Amino acid sequence: MQRKRTIFLAGDSTVQTYKLTDAPQCGWGAMLHKYFADNEVKIYHSRESRFENSVSYELADIIIDNRAMAARSAKSFFDEGRWEDILSCIREGDFVLMQFAHNDANKEKPERYLHPDEYGKKLLNDYIIPVREKKAVPVLVTAIAMKDFDENGICKISFPEYRDKMIELSEKEQVDLIDLGKETADYNTFIGEEACKSIYMNLEKGMFESAKEGKEDNAHLKFEGAFVYAGFVAAGLKNIMNK
């Protein structure tokens, strides 16, 4: 039986698949499959992965294998063996999407922090080159925007230094890139700050068991936000796959 092409996802909490008990928090990686099939989807623990949070979505023609994990940077994802867990499964013709920055920028967490220059080198040497050696396709994804507006009602691009480094890498090394950071910031600006409460984890007290006291989290997504943002990723990825 011929192996299906696989789309691997490496990233952080904004990409991750969560348990139902965490609802309504959701990463865009858990919604990506909805843009590739309108028929039955098989969902199961990723084969050959030793990490509990790894989830595969098997469609008729492809598999989307989401191995993103909360609180991980390009550094800690690599150091914990999560990247090797993906790399050992990659085959020729696969696609590997990589979205980091939210945790790489945290100077208070030395196990996560990478200076933007180190970040660029890490992505190239430890992520992009090994994927290409497998004859697979690396795809850089800039980090989603947080709900962060200026006085003029413009949503700011989050972690701009890290986004710039990804764009620089993309241009210099001819790596495919999905500028999700800009797309999500533009989308947030379009719908406005108040409407953004419906897509980020802004919860009233007593709404959900996962946050009984309420929550104002402007970084993580609800189901609705994950679905919208996954649409941006899907559109970009389809353009890359159809080259």
C-alpha atoms as a PDB file:
ATOM      1  CA  MET A   1       0.000   0.000   0.000  1.00  0.00           C
ATOM      2  CA  GLN A   2       1.433   3.392  -1.002  1.00  0.00           C
ATOM      3  CA  ARG A   3       2.131   5.755   1.883  1.00  0.00           C
ATOM      4  CA  LYS A   4       0.058   8.935   1.911  1.00  0.00           C
ATOM      5  CA  ARG A   5       1.818  12.278   1.722  1.00  0.00           C
ATOM      6  CA  THR A   6       2.043  13.792   5.189  1.00  0.00           C
ATOM      7  CA  ILE A   7       1.927  17.414   6.333  1.00  0.00           C
ATOM      8  CA  PHE A   8       3.814  17.679   9.627  1.00  0.00           C
ATOM      9  CA  LEU A   9       3.212  20.580  12.007  1.00  0.00           C
ATOM     10  CA  ALA A  10       5.895  21.756  14.435  1.00  0.00           C
ATOM     11  CA  GLY A  11       5.062  24.657  16.710  1.00  0.00           C
ATOM     12  CA  ASP A  12       3.662  25.956  19.972  1.00  0.00           C
ATOM     13  CA  SER A  13       0.338  26.365  21.804  1.00  0.00           C
ATOM     14  CA  THR A  14      -1.241  28.387  19.002  1.00  0.00           C
ATOM     15  CA  VAL A  15      -0.846  25.363  16.704  1.00  0.00           C
ATOM     16  CA  GLN A  16      -1.400  22.499  19.140  1.00  0.00           C
ATOM     17  CA  THR A  17      -4.331  20.077  19.296  1.00  0.00           C
ATOM     18  CA  TYR A  18      -5.934  20.172  22.750  1.00  0.00           C
ATOM     19  CA  LYS A  19      -8.025  17.777  24.792  1.00  0.00           C
ATOM     20  CA  LEU A  20     -11.759  18.472  25.020  1.00  0.00           C
ATOM     21  CA  THR A  21     -11.343  19.389  28.690  1.00  0.00           C
ATOM     22  CA  ASP A  22      -9.359  22.450  27.529  1.00  0.00           C
ATOM     23  CA  ALA A  23     -12.254  23.771  25.428  1.00  0.00           C
ATOM     24  CA  PRO A  24     -12.720  26.278  23.963  1.00  0.00           C
ATOM     25  CA  GLN A  25      -8.940  26.654  23.535  1.00  0.00           C
ATOM     26  CA  CYS A  26      -7.821  25.373  20.155  1.00  0.00           C
ATOM     27  CA  GLY A  27      -4.751  25.654  17.948  1.00  0.00           C
ATOM     28  CA  TRP A  28      -5.037  26.196  14.204  1.00  0.00           C
ATOM     29  CA  GLY A  29      -3.329  22.845  13.631  1.00  0.00           C
ATOM     30  CA  ALA A  30      -6.454  21.095  14.896  1.00  0.00           C
ATOM     31  CA  MET A  31      -8.584  22.828  12.262  1.00  0.00           C
ATOM     32  CA  LEU A  32      -6.322  22.600   9.214  1.00  0.00           C
ATOM     33  CA  HIS A  33      -7.801  19.327   7.980  1.00  0.00           C
ATOM     34  CA  LYS A  34     -11.210  20.962   7.511  1.00  0.00           C
ATOM     35  CA  TYR A  35      -9.863  22.851   4.500  1.00  0.00           C
ATOM     36  CA  PHE A  36      -8.574  19.719   2.769  1.00  0.00           C
ATOM     37  CA  ALA A  37     -11.573  17.390   2.924  1.00  0.00           C
ATOM     38  CA  ASP A  38     -15.337  17.417   3.177  1.00  0.00           C
ATOM     39  CA  ASN A  39     -15.602  13.711   3.889  1.00  0.00           C
ATOM     40  CA  GLU A  40     -14.749  11.413   6.782  1.00  0.00           C
ATOM     41  CA  VAL A  41     -11.562  12.133   8.727  1.00  0.00           C
ATOM     42  CA  LYS A  42      -9.787   9.549  10.877  1.00  0.00           C
ATOM     43  CA  ILE A  43      -8.244  11.090  14.003  1.00  0.00           C
ATOM     44  CA  TYR A  44      -5.722   9.154  16.069  1.00  0.00           C
ATOM     45  CA  HIS A  45      -2.452   9.392  17.994  1.00  0.00           C
ATOM     46  CA  SER A  46       0.364   9.973  15.531  1.00  0.00           C
ATOM     47  CA  ARG A  47       2.025   6.735  14.542  1.00  0.00           C
ATOM     48  CA  GLU A  48       5.662   6.394  15.560  1.00  0.00           C
ATOM     49  CA  SER A  49       5.466   9.406  17.899  1.00  0.00           C
ATOM     50  CA  ARG A  50       6.434   8.981  21.554  1.00  0.00           C
ATOM     51  CA  PHE A  51       4.691  12.194  22.613  1.00  0.00           C
ATOM     52  CA  GLU A  52       1.132  11.990  23.921  1.00  0.00           C
ATOM     53  CA  ASN A  53      -0.045  15.249  22.363  1.00  0.00           C
ATOM     54  CA  SER A  54       0.773  14.178  18.780  1.00  0.00           C
ATOM     55  CA  VAL A  55      -2.430  13.862  16.745  1.00  0.00           C
ATOM     56  CA  SER A  56      -2.922  12.764  13.127  1.00  0.00           C
ATOM     57  CA  TYR A  57      -5.821  13.633  10.845  1.00  0.00           C
ATOM     58  CA  GLU A  58      -6.025  11.109   8.018  1.00  0.00           C
ATOM     59  CA  LEU A  59      -7.906  12.189   4.913  1.00  0.00           C
ATOM     60  CA  ALA A  60      -8.443  10.414   1.611  1.00  0.00           C
ATOM     61  CA  ASP A  61      -5.191  11.643   0.058  1.00  0.00           C
ATOM     62  CA  ILE A  62      -3.064  13.113   2.846  1.00  0.00           C
ATOM     63  CA  ILE A  63      -2.322  12.965   6.562  1.00  0.00           C
ATOM     64  CA  ILE A  64      -1.952  16.088   8.692  1.00  0.00           C
ATOM     65  CA  ASP A  65       0.284  15.182  11.629  1.00  0.00           C
ATOM     66  CA  ASN A  66       0.165  17.825  14.362  1.00  0.00           C
ATOM     67  CA  ARG A  67       3.040  17.547  16.831  1.00  0.00           C
ATOM     68  CA  ALA A  68       2.993  21.126  18.095  1.00  0.00           C
ATOM     69  CA  MET A  69       3.219  21.577  21.865  1.00  0.00           C
ATOM     70  CA  ALA A  70       2.455  24.481  24.179  1.00  0.00           C
ATOM     71  CA  ALA A  71       5.271  26.568  25.658  1.00  0.00           C
ATOM     72  CA  ARG A  72       7.854  25.325  23.181  1.00  0.00           C
ATOM     73  CA  SER A  73      10.295  27.391  21.189  1.00  0.00           C
ATOM     74  CA  ALA A  74      12.478  26.298  18.297  1.00  0.00           C
ATOM     75  CA  LYS A  75      15.131  25.660  20.961  1.00  0.00           C
ATOM     76  CA  SER A  76      13.128  23.665  23.509  1.00  0.00           C
ATOM     77  CA  PHE A  77      11.173  21.774  20.832  1.00  0.00           C
ATOM     78  CA  PHE A  78      14.528  20.587  19.497  1.00  0.00           C
ATOM     79  CA  ASP A  79      16.175  19.956  22.873  1.00  0.00           C
ATOM     80  CA  GLU A  80      13.283  17.799  24.126  1.00  0.00           C
ATOM     81  CA  GLY A  81      13.554  15.499  21.117  1.00  0.00           C
ATOM     82  CA  ARG A  82      10.257  16.632  19.647  1.00  0.00           C
ATOM     83  CA  TRP A  83      11.900  17.679  16.396  1.00  0.00           C
ATOM     84  CA  GLU A  84      13.774  14.367  16.079  1.00  0.00           C
ATOM     85  CA  ASP A  85      10.400  12.676  16.665  1.00  0.00           C
ATOM     86  CA  ILE A  86       9.146  14.375  13.490  1.00  0.00           C
ATOM     87  CA  LEU A  87      12.362  14.119  11.498  1.00  0.00           C
ATOM     88  CA  SER A  88      12.539  10.349  11.871  1.00  0.00           C
ATOM     89  CA  CYS A  89       9.108  10.050  10.210  1.00  0.00           C
ATOM     90  CA  ILE A  90       9.590  12.425   7.274  1.00  0.00           C
ATOM     91  CA  ARG A  91       9.644  10.891   3.812  1.00  0.00           C
ATOM     92  CA  GLU A  92      10.298  12.280   0.353  1.00  0.00           C
ATOM     93  CA  GLY A  93       7.503  14.575  -0.819  1.00  0.00           C
ATOM     94  CA  ASP A  94       6.181  15.412   2.654  1.00  0.00           C
ATOM     95  CA  PHE A  95       5.624  18.980   3.830  1.00  0.00           C
ATOM     96  CA  VAL A  96       6.821  20.309   7.190  1.00  0.00           C
ATOM     97  CA  LEU A  97       5.289  23.511   8.570  1.00  0.00           C
ATOM     98  CA  MET A  98       7.211  25.282  11.329  1.00  0.00           C
ATOM     99  CA  GLN A  99       5.749  28.099  13.437  1.00  0.00           C
ATOM    100  CA  PHE A 100       7.771  29.422  16.367  1.00  0.00           C
ATOM    101  CA  ALA A 101       8.431  32.811  18.046  1.00  0.00           C
ATOM    102  CA  HIS A 102       5.939  33.206  20.925  1.00  0.00           C
ATOM    103  CA  ASN A 103       8.275  31.391  23.310  1.00  0.00           C
ATOM    104  CA  ASP A 104      11.604  32.066  21.604  1.00  0.00           C
ATOM    105  CA  ALA A 105      11.265  35.718  22.604  1.00  0.00           C
ATOM    106  CA  ASN A 106      10.901  34.965  26.342  1.00  0.00           C
ATOM    107  CA  LYS A 107      14.193  36.094  27.908  1.00  0.00           C
ATOM    108  CA  GLU A 108      13.023  34.996  31.345  1.00  0.00           C
ATOM    109  CA  LYS A 109      13.007  31.360  30.200  1.00  0.00           C
ATOM    110  CA  PRO A 110      16.589  30.499  29.161  1.00  0.00           C
ATOM    111  CA  GLU A 111      15.539  26.998  28.144  1.00  0.00           C
ATOM    112  CA  ARG A 112      13.311  28.620  25.489  1.00  0.00           C
ATOM    113  CA  TYR A 113      14.967  31.902  24.597  1.00  0.00           C
ATOM    114  CA  LEU A 114      16.737  32.491  21.308  1.00  0.00           C
ATOM    115  CA  HIS A 115      18.030  35.839  20.119  1.00  0.00           C
ATOM    116  CA  PRO A 116      16.557  36.549  16.659  1.00  0.00           C
ATOM    117  CA  ASP A 117      19.938  35.863  15.033  1.00  0.00           C
ATOM    118  CA  GLU A 118      20.243  32.552  16.876  1.00  0.00           C
ATOM    119  CA  TYR A 119      16.642  31.816  15.938  1.00  0.00           C
ATOM    120  CA  GLY A 120      17.445  32.186  12.253  1.00  0.00           C
ATOM    121  CA  LYS A 121      20.509  29.960  12.484  1.00  0.00           C
ATOM    122  CA  LYS A 122      18.567  27.356  14.460  1.00  0.00           C
ATOM    123  CA  LEU A 123      15.782  27.206  11.896  1.00  0.00           C
ATOM    124  CA  LEU A 124      18.235  26.868   9.026  1.00  0.00           C
ATOM    125  CA  ASN A 125      20.710  24.367  10.459  1.00  0.00           C
ATOM    126  CA  ASP A 126      18.476  22.190  12.626  1.00  0.00           C
ATOM    127  CA  TYR A 127      15.137  22.389  10.815  1.00  0.00           C
ATOM    128  CA  ILE A 128      15.315  23.456   7.167  1.00  0.00           C
ATOM    129  CA  ILE A 129      18.486  21.677   6.027  1.00  0.00           C
ATOM    130  CA  PRO A 130      17.542  18.299   7.603  1.00  0.00           C
ATOM    131  CA  VAL A 131      14.074  18.458   6.006  1.00  0.00           C
ATOM    132  CA  ARG A 132      15.588  19.130   2.602  1.00  0.00           C
ATOM    133  CA  GLU A 133      18.023  16.267   3.093  1.00  0.00           C
ATOM    134  CA  LYS A 134      14.948  14.053   3.406  1.00  0.00           C
ATOM    135  CA  LYS A 135      13.747  15.468   0.043  1.00  0.00           C
ATOM    136  CA  ALA A 136      10.743  16.955   1.803  1.00  0.00           C
ATOM    137  CA  VAL A 137       9.501  20.555   1.693  1.00  0.00           C
ATOM    138  CA  PRO A 138      10.096  22.902   4.652  1.00  0.00           C
ATOM    139  CA  VAL A 139       7.554  25.707   5.065  1.00  0.00           C
ATOM    140  CA  LEU A 140       8.156  28.607   7.439  1.00  0.00           C
ATOM    141  CA  VAL A 141       5.060  30.064   9.131  1.00  0.00           C
ATOM    142  CA  THR A 142       5.327  33.402  10.905  1.00  0.00           C
ATOM    143  CA  ALA A 143       3.746  33.499  14.366  1.00  0.00           C
ATOM    144  CA  ILE A 144       0.086  34.472  14.654  1.00  0.00           C
ATOM    145  CA  ALA A 145      -0.722  37.952  15.894  1.00  0.00           C
ATOM    146  CA  MET A 146      -1.868  38.424  19.444  1.00  0.00           C
ATOM    147  CA  LYS A 147      -4.885  40.629  20.212  1.00  0.00           C
ATOM    148  CA  ASP A 148      -2.708  43.708  20.556  1.00  0.00           C
ATOM    149  CA  PHE A 149      -4.028  46.984  19.117  1.00  0.00           C
ATOM    150  CA  ASP A 150      -2.503  50.455  18.951  1.00  0.00           C
ATOM    151  CA  GLU A 151      -4.316  53.749  19.596  1.00  0.00           C
ATOM    152  CA  ASN A 152      -5.424  53.877  15.954  1.00  0.00           C
ATOM    153  CA  GLY A 153      -7.167  50.507  16.063  1.00  0.00           C
ATOM    154  CA  ILE A 154      -4.420  48.692  14.171  1.00  0.00           C
ATOM    155  CA  CYS A 155      -3.495  45.212  15.335  1.00  0.00           C
ATOM    156  CA  LYS A 156       0.259  44.988  15.719  1.00  0.00           C
ATOM    157  CA  ILE A 157       2.345  42.222  14.183  1.00  0.00           C
ATOM    158  CA  SER A 158       3.665  40.169  17.084  1.00  0.00           C
ATOM    159  CA  PHE A 159       7.366  39.366  17.494  1.00  0.00           C
ATOM    160  CA  PRO A 160       8.399  41.424  14.450  1.00  0.00           C
ATOM    161  CA  GLU A 161      12.125  40.679  14.818  1.00  0.00           C
ATOM    162  CA  TYR A 162      11.427  36.951  14.568  1.00  0.00           C
ATOM    163  CA  ARG A 163       9.076  37.452  11.639  1.00  0.00           C
ATOM    164  CA  ASP A 164      11.753  39.503   9.880  1.00  0.00           C
ATOM    165  CA  LYS A 165      14.261  36.710  10.428  1.00  0.00           C
ATOM    166  CA  MET A 166      11.891  34.156   8.892  1.00  0.00           C
ATOM    167  CA  ILE A 167      11.302  36.384   5.872  1.00  0.00           C
ATOM    168  CA  GLU A 168      15.047  36.912   5.497  1.00  0.00           C
ATOM    169  CA  LEU A 169      15.605  33.150   5.642  1.00  0.00           C
ATOM    170  CA  SER A 170      12.843  32.533   3.141  1.00  0.00           C
ATOM    171  CA  GLU A 171      14.353  34.941   0.643  1.00  0.00           C
ATOM    172  CA  LYS A 172      17.997  33.961   1.116  1.00  0.00           C
ATOM    173  CA  GLU A 173      17.510  30.199   1.203  1.00  0.00           C
ATOM    174  CA  GLN A 174      14.491  30.010  -1.125  1.00  0.00           C
ATOM    175  CA  VAL A 175      12.281  28.476   1.557  1.00  0.00           C
ATOM    176  CA  ASP A 176       8.497  28.627   1.175  1.00  0.00           C
ATOM    177  CA  LEU A 177       6.836  30.950   3.674  1.00  0.00           C
ATOM    178  CA  ILE A 178       3.303  31.605   4.882  1.00  0.00           C
ATOM    179  CA  ASP A 179       3.164  35.045   6.479  1.00  0.00           C
ATOM    180  CA  LEU A 180       0.502  34.134   8.994  1.00  0.00           C
ATOM    181  CA  GLY A 181       1.634  36.904  11.324  1.00  0.00           C
ATOM    182  CA  LYS A 182       0.711  39.612   8.842  1.00  0.00           C
ATOM    183  CA  GLU A 183      -2.454  37.899   7.652  1.00  0.00           C
ATOM    184  CA  THR A 184      -3.805  37.491  11.172  1.00  0.00           C
ATOM    185  CA  ALA A 185      -2.867  41.040  12.178  1.00  0.00           C
ATOM    186  CA  ASP A 186      -4.610  42.394   9.066  1.00  0.00           C
ATOM    187  CA  TYR A 187      -7.668  40.254   9.780  1.00  0.00           C
ATOM    188  CA  ASN A 188      -7.843  41.452  13.381  1.00  0.00           C
ATOM    189  CA  THR A 189      -7.600  45.049  12.239  1.00  0.00           C
ATOM    190  CA  PHE A 190     -10.416  44.450   9.760  1.00  0.00           C
ATOM    191  CA  ILE A 191     -12.867  42.987  12.281  1.00  0.00           C
ATOM    192  CA  GLY A 192     -11.794  45.298  15.121  1.00  0.00           C
ATOM    193  CA  GLU A 193     -10.639  44.843  18.702  1.00  0.00           C
ATOM    194  CA  GLU A 194     -14.085  44.162  20.165  1.00  0.00           C
ATOM    195  CA  ALA A 195     -14.879  41.432  17.622  1.00  0.00           C
ATOM    196  CA  CYS A 196     -11.500  39.827  18.330  1.00  0.00           C
ATOM    197  CA  LYS A 197     -12.785  38.842  21.760  1.00  0.00           C
ATOM    198  CA  SER A 198     -14.822  36.164  20.007  1.00  0.00           C
ATOM    199  CA  ILE A 199     -11.762  34.478  18.525  1.00  0.00           C
ATOM    200  CA  TYR A 200      -9.225  34.804  21.350  1.00  0.00           C
ATOM    201  CA  MET A 201      -9.543  33.244  24.798  1.00  0.00           C
ATOM    202  CA  ASN A 202     -11.496  36.102  26.332  1.00  0.00           C
ATOM    203  CA  LEU A 203     -13.970  34.284  28.581  1.00  0.00           C
ATOM    204  CA  GLU A 204     -16.591  35.501  31.030  1.00  0.00           C
ATOM    205  CA  LYS A 205     -16.760  33.941  34.474  1.00  0.00           C
ATOM    206  CA  GLY A 206     -18.688  30.670  34.523  1.00  0.00           C
ATOM    207  CA  MET A 207     -18.741  30.186  30.748  1.00  0.00           C
ATOM    208  CA  PHE A 208     -16.500  27.120  30.584  1.00  0.00           C
ATOM    209  CA  GLU A 209     -15.330  24.426  32.986  1.00  0.00           C
ATOM    210  CA  SER A 210     -11.758  25.007  31.812  1.00  0.00           C
ATOM    211  CA  ALA A 211     -11.865  28.604  33.064  1.00  0.00           C
ATOM    212  CA  LYS A 212     -14.545  28.900  35.732  1.00  0.00           C
ATOM    213  CA  GLU A 213     -13.245  32.243  36.957  1.00  0.00           C
ATOM    214  CA  GLY A 214     -13.055  33.662  33.455  1.00  0.00           C
ATOM    215  CA  LYS A 215      -9.982  34.550  31.449  1.00  0.00           C
ATOM    216  CA  GLU A 216      -8.522  37.363  29.397  1.00  0.00           C
ATOM    217  CA  ASP A 217      -5.937  35.641  27.237  1.00  0.00           C
ATOM    218  CA  ASN A 218      -4.977  37.639  24.167  1.00  0.00           C
ATOM    219  CA  ALA A 219      -2.513  35.108  22.750  1.00  0.00           C
ATOM    220  CA  HIS A 220      -4.460  31.863  22.458  1.00  0.00           C
ATOM    221  CA  LEU A 221      -7.390  31.000  20.236  1.00  0.00           C
ATOM    222  CA  LYS A 222     -10.918  29.704  20.665  1.00  0.00           C
ATOM    223  CA  PHE A 223     -12.351  27.227  18.158  1.00  0.00           C
ATOM    224  CA  GLU A 224     -13.580  30.096  15.991  1.00  0.00           C
ATOM    225  CA  GLY A 225     -10.195  31.762  15.793  1.00  0.00           C
ATOM    226  CA  ALA A 226      -8.380  28.511  15.119  1.00  0.00           C
ATOM    227  CA  PHE A 227     -10.747  27.780  12.238  1.00  0.00           C
ATOM    228  CA  VAL A 228     -10.269  31.201  10.633  1.00  0.00           C
ATOM    229  CA  TYR A 229      -6.492  31.161  11.021  1.00  0.00           C
ATOM    230  CA  ALA A 230      -6.239  27.609   9.709  1.00  0.00           C
ATOM    231  CA  GLY A 231      -7.919  28.909   6.563  1.00  0.00           C
ATOM    232  CA  PHE A 232      -5.051  31.323   5.982  1.00  0.00           C
ATOM    233  CA  VAL A 233      -2.542  28.503   6.424  1.00  0.00           C
ATOM    234  CA  ALA A 234      -4.491  26.200   4.133  1.00  0.00           C
ATOM    235  CA  ALA A 235      -4.665  28.791   1.354  1.00  0.00           C
ATOM    236  CA  GLY A 236      -0.934  29.425   1.554  1.00  0.00           C
ATOM    237  CA  LEU A 237      -0.084  25.745   1.710  1.00  0.00           C
ATOM    238  CA  LYS A 238      -2.268  24.874  -1.266  1.00  0.00           C
ATOM    239  CA  ASN A 239      -0.456  27.516  -3.322  1.00  0.00           C
ATOM    240  CA  ILE A 240       2.863  25.948  -2.353  1.00  0.00           C
ATOM    241  CA  MET A 241       1.679  22.395  -3.056  1.00  0.00           C
ATOM    242  CA  ASN A 242       0.345  23.399  -6.484  1.00  0.00           C
ATOM    243  CA  LYS A 243       3.547  25.048  -7.713  1.00  0.00           C
END
